[in-house]
Amino acid sequence: YFQTHFLTPRVRLCDCPGLVFPSHAPPALQVLAGVYPISQLQEPYSAVGYLAARLPLPSLLQLRPPSNEAGWTAWDICEAWAEKRGYKTAKAARNDVYRAANSLLRLAAEGRLRLCLRPPGYADQQGETPPLVP
């Protein structure tokens, strides 16, 4: 089954079940944009790291700083979020960092944590450097 839509005389959209278009966006951005299902992620920490590199998650979520001096990592953010929300594993009652990572990604995908990105080359075109998020 192949479906074709003629959008304009020169633009044609082709669709069929299983048709996959390659994407040049990073996988973490696809997850945060809702293109790739969060439930199918096996390793959500890189997407949390992508989000944390662009948003001040510890201050937004009012997380306690980690015990180490190195600063925040994606794992530390997930562990602090699990501690704050009370996410525990069933058997060992440890912090459930996987569930916390999924929770953070769902907050971002639903728009509760707002991530805004400028188009590639925007700063070069405008002759300025983009401001950092406080």
C-alpha atoms as a PDB file:
ATOM      1  CA  TYR A   1       0.000   0.000   0.000  1.00  0.00           C
ATOM      2  CA  PHE A   2       1.616   3.236  -1.170  1.00  0.00           C
ATOM      3  CA  GLN A   3      -0.057   6.583  -0.661  1.00  0.00           C
ATOM      4  CA  THR A   4       0.891   9.709  -2.623  1.00  0.00           C
ATOM      5  CA  HIS A   5      -0.248  13.259  -1.918  1.00  0.00           C
ATOM      6  CA  PHE A   6       0.487  16.033  -4.404  1.00  0.00           C
ATOM      7  CA  LEU A   7       0.943  19.099  -2.201  1.00  0.00           C
ATOM      8  CA  THR A   8       1.911  21.393  -5.079  1.00  0.00           C
ATOM      9  CA  PRO A   9       2.678  20.668  -8.732  1.00  0.00           C
ATOM     10  CA  ARG A  10       6.356  20.222  -7.800  1.00  0.00           C
ATOM     11  CA  VAL A  11       6.070  18.754  -4.273  1.00  0.00           C
ATOM     12  CA  ARG A  12       4.893  15.203  -3.692  1.00  0.00           C
ATOM     13  CA  LEU A  13       4.524  13.446  -0.319  1.00  0.00           C
ATOM     14  CA  CYS A  14       4.847   9.662  -0.398  1.00  0.00           C
ATOM     15  CA  ASP A  15       3.765   7.495   2.502  1.00  0.00           C
ATOM     16  CA  CYS A  16       3.460   3.806   3.188  1.00  0.00           C
ATOM     17  CA  PRO A  17       3.530   1.619   6.328  1.00  0.00           C
ATOM     18  CA  GLY A  18       7.083   1.098   7.454  1.00  0.00           C
ATOM     19  CA  LEU A  19       8.540   3.924   5.392  1.00  0.00           C
ATOM     20  CA  VAL A  20      11.337   5.508   7.410  1.00  0.00           C
ATOM     21  CA  PHE A  21      12.875   8.856   6.572  1.00  0.00           C
ATOM     22  CA  PRO A  22      16.397   9.460   7.847  1.00  0.00           C
ATOM     23  CA  SER A  23      16.778  12.232  10.373  1.00  0.00           C
ATOM     24  CA  HIS A  24      19.756  14.474  10.924  1.00  0.00           C
ATOM     25  CA  ALA A  25      18.590  15.447  14.406  1.00  0.00           C
ATOM     26  CA  PRO A  26      20.349  13.809  17.369  1.00  0.00           C
ATOM     27  CA  PRO A  27      18.426  10.882  18.917  1.00  0.00           C
ATOM     28  CA  ALA A  28      18.111  12.755  22.226  1.00  0.00           C
ATOM     29  CA  LEU A  29      16.419  15.670  20.467  1.00  0.00           C
ATOM     30  CA  GLN A  30      14.042  13.271  18.702  1.00  0.00           C
ATOM     31  CA  VAL A  31      13.034  11.894  22.108  1.00  0.00           C
ATOM     32  CA  LEU A  32      12.524  15.361  23.601  1.00  0.00           C
ATOM     33  CA  ALA A  33      10.487  16.472  20.586  1.00  0.00           C
ATOM     34  CA  GLY A  34       8.197  13.464  20.941  1.00  0.00           C
ATOM     35  CA  VAL A  35       9.232  11.902  17.622  1.00  0.00           C
ATOM     36  CA  TYR A  36      10.689   8.791  19.278  1.00  0.00           C
ATOM     37  CA  PRO A  37       8.635   7.145  22.065  1.00  0.00           C
ATOM     38  CA  ILE A  38      10.150   7.479  25.520  1.00  0.00           C
ATOM     39  CA  SER A  39       8.810   4.047  26.469  1.00  0.00           C
ATOM     40  CA  GLN A  40      11.057   2.431  23.852  1.00  0.00           C
ATOM     41  CA  LEU A  41      14.265   3.989  25.186  1.00  0.00           C
ATOM     42  CA  GLN A  42      16.711   1.534  26.669  1.00  0.00           C
ATOM     43  CA  GLU A  43      19.157   4.197  27.836  1.00  0.00           C
ATOM     44  CA  PRO A  44      17.424   7.488  28.730  1.00  0.00           C
ATOM     45  CA  TYR A  45      20.411   9.110  30.465  1.00  0.00           C
ATOM     46  CA  SER A  46      21.966  10.579  27.316  1.00  0.00           C
ATOM     47  CA  ALA A  47      18.666  12.337  26.540  1.00  0.00           C
ATOM     48  CA  VAL A  48      18.561  13.662  30.113  1.00  0.00           C
ATOM     49  CA  GLY A  49      22.159  14.842  29.652  1.00  0.00           C
ATOM     50  CA  TYR A  50      21.178  16.608  26.411  1.00  0.00           C
ATOM     51  CA  LEU A  51      18.338  18.325  28.266  1.00  0.00           C
ATOM     52  CA  ALA A  52      20.533  19.212  31.250  1.00  0.00           C
ATOM     53  CA  ALA A  53      23.164  20.761  28.977  1.00  0.00           C
ATOM     54  CA  ARG A  54      20.542  23.218  27.707  1.00  0.00           C
ATOM     55  CA  LEU A  55      18.428  23.830  30.830  1.00  0.00           C
ATOM     56  CA  PRO A  56      19.430  24.471  34.447  1.00  0.00           C
ATOM     57  CA  LEU A  57      17.565  21.374  35.659  1.00  0.00           C
ATOM     58  CA  PRO A  58      18.928  21.315  39.231  1.00  0.00           C
ATOM     59  CA  SER A  59      17.683  24.837  39.938  1.00  0.00           C
ATOM     60  CA  LEU A  60      14.417  24.423  38.005  1.00  0.00           C
ATOM     61  CA  LEU A  61      13.575  21.211  39.867  1.00  0.00           C
ATOM     62  CA  GLN A  62      15.089  22.428  43.166  1.00  0.00           C
ATOM     63  CA  LEU A  63      17.335  19.377  43.507  1.00  0.00           C
ATOM     64  CA  ARG A  64      19.868  18.812  46.261  1.00  0.00           C
ATOM     65  CA  PRO A  65      23.465  18.895  45.023  1.00  0.00           C
ATOM     66  CA  PRO A  66      25.336  15.583  44.718  1.00  0.00           C
ATOM     67  CA  SER A  67      27.834  14.549  47.374  1.00  0.00           C
ATOM     68  CA  ASN A  68      30.764  14.589  44.937  1.00  0.00           C
ATOM     69  CA  GLU A  69      32.521  17.821  44.021  1.00  0.00           C
ATOM     70  CA  ALA A  70      32.552  17.197  40.256  1.00  0.00           C
ATOM     71  CA  GLY A  71      29.144  18.782  39.659  1.00  0.00           C
ATOM     72  CA  TRP A  72      25.971  17.464  38.105  1.00  0.00           C
ATOM     73  CA  THR A  73      25.878  14.542  35.692  1.00  0.00           C
ATOM     74  CA  ALA A  74      22.775  13.099  34.040  1.00  0.00           C
ATOM     75  CA  TRP A  75      22.896  10.207  36.513  1.00  0.00           C
ATOM     76  CA  ASP A  76      23.148  12.613  39.474  1.00  0.00           C
ATOM     77  CA  ILE A  77      20.144  14.584  38.228  1.00  0.00           C
ATOM     78  CA  CYS A  78      18.105  11.391  37.826  1.00  0.00           C
ATOM     79  CA  GLU A  79      19.169  10.152  41.247  1.00  0.00           C
ATOM     80  CA  ALA A  80      18.252  13.456  42.913  1.00  0.00           C
ATOM     81  CA  TRP A  81      14.890  13.507  41.087  1.00  0.00           C
ATOM     82  CA  ALA A  82      14.191   9.917  42.189  1.00  0.00           C
ATOM     83  CA  GLU A  83      15.024  10.897  45.763  1.00  0.00           C
ATOM     84  CA  LYS A  84      12.772  13.955  45.620  1.00  0.00           C
ATOM     85  CA  ARG A  85       9.835  12.103  44.031  1.00  0.00           C
ATOM     86  CA  GLY A  86      10.258   8.940  46.116  1.00  0.00           C
ATOM     87  CA  TYR A  87      10.925   6.592  43.192  1.00  0.00           C
ATOM     88  CA  LYS A  88      12.343   3.371  44.673  1.00  0.00           C
ATOM     89  CA  THR A  89      13.113  -0.045  43.202  1.00  0.00           C
ATOM     90  CA  ALA A  90      10.882  -2.873  44.403  1.00  0.00           C
ATOM     91  CA  LYS A  91      13.434  -5.300  45.823  1.00  0.00           C
ATOM     92  CA  ALA A  92      16.345  -3.238  47.117  1.00  0.00           C
ATOM     93  CA  ALA A  93      14.497   0.047  47.790  1.00  0.00           C
ATOM     94  CA  ARG A  94      17.223   2.012  46.000  1.00  0.00           C
ATOM     95  CA  ASN A  95      16.535   5.174  44.049  1.00  0.00           C
ATOM     96  CA  ASP A  96      14.908   4.191  40.735  1.00  0.00           C
ATOM     97  CA  VAL A  97      16.972   6.382  38.412  1.00  0.00           C
ATOM     98  CA  TYR A  98      15.517   4.789  35.264  1.00  0.00           C
ATOM     99  CA  ARG A  99      11.982   5.774  36.282  1.00  0.00           C
ATOM    100  CA  ALA A 100      13.231   9.244  37.238  1.00  0.00           C
ATOM    101  CA  ALA A 101      14.894   9.663  33.822  1.00  0.00           C
ATOM    102  CA  ASN A 102      11.667   8.655  32.078  1.00  0.00           C
ATOM    103  CA  SER A 103       9.748  11.090  34.265  1.00  0.00           C
ATOM    104  CA  LEU A 104      12.085  13.968  33.347  1.00  0.00           C
ATOM    105  CA  LEU A 105      11.850  13.155  29.640  1.00  0.00           C
ATOM    106  CA  ARG A 106       8.061  13.038  29.831  1.00  0.00           C
ATOM    107  CA  LEU A 107       8.013  16.441  31.546  1.00  0.00           C
ATOM    108  CA  ALA A 108      10.054  17.843  28.664  1.00  0.00           C
ATOM    109  CA  ALA A 109       8.021  16.093  25.949  1.00  0.00           C
ATOM    110  CA  GLU A 110       4.764  17.363  27.496  1.00  0.00           C
ATOM    111  CA  GLY A 111       6.105  20.917  27.634  1.00  0.00           C
ATOM    112  CA  ARG A 112       6.336  21.231  31.406  1.00  0.00           C
ATOM    113  CA  LEU A 113      10.089  21.693  31.036  1.00  0.00           C
ATOM    114  CA  ARG A 114      10.419  24.061  28.105  1.00  0.00           C
ATOM    115  CA  LEU A 115      13.318  23.555  25.765  1.00  0.00           C
ATOM    116  CA  CYS A 116      13.750  26.134  23.014  1.00  0.00           C
ATOM    117  CA  LEU A 117      16.379  25.809  20.301  1.00  0.00           C
ATOM    118  CA  ARG A 118      17.464  28.280  17.672  1.00  0.00           C
ATOM    119  CA  PRO A 119      17.875  27.126  14.079  1.00  0.00           C
ATOM    120  CA  PRO A 120      21.366  26.015  13.019  1.00  0.00           C
ATOM    121  CA  GLY A 121      23.503  28.991  12.059  1.00  0.00           C
ATOM    122  CA  TYR A 122      21.182  31.529  13.704  1.00  0.00           C
ATOM    123  CA  ALA A 123      23.935  33.256  15.695  1.00  0.00           C
ATOM    124  CA  ASP A 124      26.158  33.453  12.602  1.00  0.00           C
ATOM    125  CA  GLN A 125      23.381  35.072  10.559  1.00  0.00           C
ATOM    126  CA  GLN A 126      22.535  37.575  13.277  1.00  0.00           C
ATOM    127  CA  GLY A 127      26.164  38.421  14.051  1.00  0.00           C
ATOM    128  CA  GLU A 128      25.804  37.652  17.737  1.00  0.00           C
ATOM    129  CA  THR A 129      26.488  34.879  20.160  1.00  0.00           C
ATOM    130  CA  PRO A 130      23.439  33.212  21.700  1.00  0.00           C
ATOM    131  CA  PRO A 131      22.921  33.984  25.400  1.00  0.00           C
ATOM    132  CA  LEU A 132      23.293  31.152  27.871  1.00  0.00           C
ATOM    133  CA  VAL A 133      20.319  30.071  29.926  1.00  0.00           C
ATOM    134  CA  PRO A 134      20.792  31.209  33.559  1.00  0.00           C
END
